[in-house]
């Protein structure tokens, strides 16, 4: 899927840990909200499942507590706002 100038593969998994400062995290979260807002119900479900997969990988690879928190917060907010 292409959104603006970005290509998104909603089924990809992070290969490299990304530690974001608070400003970058806010932009990261806003970007995900824009994407999920454009999707139909099934697309939203699959997108959120992809974020859940990313979160479980972050937990499995024992990433930093900050990265774990960022993914957990993003996932929690997406589920709360868009359902699952």
C-alpha atoms as a PDB file:
ATOM      1  CA  UNK A   1       0.000   0.000   0.000  1.00  0.00           C
ATOM      2  CA  UNK A   2       1.268   3.509  -0.731  1.00  0.00           C
ATOM      3  CA  UNK A   3       0.290   6.439   1.465  1.00  0.00           C
ATOM      4  CA  UNK A   4       1.649   9.785   0.367  1.00  0.00           C
ATOM      5  CA  UNK A   5       5.321   9.206  -0.332  1.00  0.00           C
ATOM      6  CA  UNK A   6       5.541   6.145   1.919  1.00  0.00           C
ATOM      7  CA  UNK A   7       5.148   2.508   1.006  1.00  0.00           C
ATOM      8  CA  UNK A   8       3.631   0.406   3.762  1.00  0.00           C
ATOM      9  CA  UNK A   9       3.789  -3.352   3.962  1.00  0.00           C
ATOM     10  CA  UNK A  10       1.338  -4.061   6.764  1.00  0.00           C
ATOM     11  CA  UNK A  11       2.600  -7.615   7.099  1.00  0.00           C
ATOM     12  CA  UNK A  12       6.287  -6.788   7.513  1.00  0.00           C
ATOM     13  CA  UNK A  13       8.182  -7.220  10.745  1.00  0.00           C
ATOM     14  CA  UNK A  14      10.864  -4.910  12.099  1.00  0.00           C
ATOM     15  CA  UNK A  15      14.344  -6.245  11.457  1.00  0.00           C
ATOM     16  CA  UNK A  16      16.121  -3.462  13.297  1.00  0.00           C
ATOM     17  CA  UNK A  17      15.201  -2.015  16.661  1.00  0.00           C
ATOM     18  CA  UNK A  18      14.200   1.619  16.413  1.00  0.00           C
ATOM     19  CA  UNK A  19      14.510   3.702  19.539  1.00  0.00           C
ATOM     20  CA  UNK A  20      12.413   6.825  19.136  1.00  0.00           C
ATOM     21  CA  UNK A  21      12.516  10.025  21.088  1.00  0.00           C
ATOM     22  CA  UNK A  22       9.142  11.401  22.178  1.00  0.00           C
ATOM     23  CA  UNK A  23       8.764  13.710  19.171  1.00  0.00           C
ATOM     24  CA  UNK A  24       9.520  10.912  16.708  1.00  0.00           C
ATOM     25  CA  UNK A  25       7.132   8.587  18.544  1.00  0.00           C
ATOM     26  CA  UNK A  26       4.309  11.131  18.220  1.00  0.00           C
ATOM     27  CA  UNK A  27       4.943  11.383  14.461  1.00  0.00           C
ATOM     28  CA  UNK A  28       5.105   7.556  14.274  1.00  0.00           C
ATOM     29  CA  UNK A  29       1.769   7.265  16.099  1.00  0.00           C
ATOM     30  CA  UNK A  30       0.110   9.990  13.992  1.00  0.00           C
ATOM     31  CA  UNK A  31       1.270   8.254  10.826  1.00  0.00           C
ATOM     32  CA  UNK A  32      -0.277   4.945  11.922  1.00  0.00           C
ATOM     33  CA  UNK A  33      -3.540   6.705  12.773  1.00  0.00           C
ATOM     34  CA  UNK A  34      -3.695   8.250   9.292  1.00  0.00           C
ATOM     35  CA  UNK A  35      -3.112   4.877   7.673  1.00  0.00           C
ATOM     36  CA  UNK A  36      -5.653   2.946   9.741  1.00  0.00           C
ATOM     37  CA  UNK A  37      -8.229   5.699   9.278  1.00  0.00           C
ATOM     38  CA  UNK A  38      -8.095   5.150   5.493  1.00  0.00           C
ATOM     39  CA  UNK A  39      -8.769   1.401   5.697  1.00  0.00           C
ATOM     40  CA  UNK A  40     -12.050  -0.500   5.674  1.00  0.00           C
ATOM     41  CA  UNK A  41     -12.999  -2.739   8.615  1.00  0.00           C
ATOM     42  CA  UNK A  42     -11.061  -5.809   7.487  1.00  0.00           C
ATOM     43  CA  UNK A  43      -8.047  -3.679   6.556  1.00  0.00           C
ATOM     44  CA  UNK A  44      -8.092  -2.057   9.995  1.00  0.00           C
ATOM     45  CA  UNK A  45      -8.217  -5.466  11.651  1.00  0.00           C
ATOM     46  CA  UNK A  46      -5.266  -6.745   9.608  1.00  0.00           C
ATOM     47  CA  UNK A  47      -3.276  -3.566  10.191  1.00  0.00           C
ATOM     48  CA  UNK A  48      -3.799  -3.754  13.951  1.00  0.00           C
ATOM     49  CA  UNK A  49      -2.888  -7.451  13.898  1.00  0.00           C
ATOM     50  CA  UNK A  50       0.359  -6.454  12.153  1.00  0.00           C
ATOM     51  CA  UNK A  51       1.102  -3.978  14.944  1.00  0.00           C
ATOM     52  CA  UNK A  52       0.367  -6.748  17.456  1.00  0.00           C
ATOM     53  CA  UNK A  53       2.832  -9.027  15.636  1.00  0.00           C
ATOM     54  CA  UNK A  54       5.448  -6.261  15.786  1.00  0.00           C
ATOM     55  CA  UNK A  55       4.780  -5.828  19.508  1.00  0.00           C
ATOM     56  CA  UNK A  56       5.147  -9.563  20.227  1.00  0.00           C
ATOM     57  CA  UNK A  57       8.466  -9.578  18.347  1.00  0.00           C
ATOM     58  CA  UNK A  58       9.699  -6.571  20.307  1.00  0.00           C
ATOM     59  CA  UNK A  59       8.836  -8.455  23.494  1.00  0.00           C
ATOM     60  CA  UNK A  60      10.381 -11.737  22.274  1.00  0.00           C
ATOM     61  CA  UNK A  61      13.674 -10.079  21.312  1.00  0.00           C
ATOM     62  CA  UNK A  62      13.899  -8.432  24.730  1.00  0.00           C
ATOM     63  CA  UNK A  63      14.074  -4.947  23.253  1.00  0.00           C
ATOM     64  CA  UNK A  64      14.488  -1.876  25.415  1.00  0.00           C
ATOM     65  CA  UNK A  65      11.727  -1.058  27.882  1.00  0.00           C
ATOM     66  CA  UNK A  66      11.099   2.213  26.057  1.00  0.00           C
ATOM     67  CA  UNK A  67      10.549   0.450  22.721  1.00  0.00           C
ATOM     68  CA  UNK A  68       8.271  -2.110  24.381  1.00  0.00           C
ATOM     69  CA  UNK A  69       6.248   0.711  25.957  1.00  0.00           C
ATOM     70  CA  UNK A  70       5.976   2.603  22.655  1.00  0.00           C
ATOM     71  CA  UNK A  71       4.593  -0.414  20.798  1.00  0.00           C
ATOM     72  CA  UNK A  72       2.277  -1.319  23.693  1.00  0.00           C
ATOM     73  CA  UNK A  73       0.892   2.235  23.821  1.00  0.00           C
ATOM     74  CA  UNK A  74       0.393   2.364  20.054  1.00  0.00           C
ATOM     75  CA  UNK A  75      -1.374  -1.001  20.014  1.00  0.00           C
ATOM     76  CA  UNK A  76      -3.552  -0.110  23.009  1.00  0.00           C
ATOM     77  CA  UNK A  77      -4.628   3.199  21.496  1.00  0.00           C
ATOM     78  CA  UNK A  78      -5.376   1.732  18.059  1.00  0.00           C
ATOM     79  CA  UNK A  79      -7.516  -1.037  19.561  1.00  0.00           C
ATOM     80  CA  UNK A  80      -9.292   1.435  21.841  1.00  0.00           C
ATOM     81  CA  UNK A  81     -10.003   3.896  19.016  1.00  0.00           C
ATOM     82  CA  UNK A  82     -10.662   1.551  16.096  1.00  0.00           C
ATOM     83  CA  UNK A  83     -11.712  -1.694  17.778  1.00  0.00           C
ATOM     84  CA  UNK A  84     -10.510  -5.127  16.874  1.00  0.00           C
END
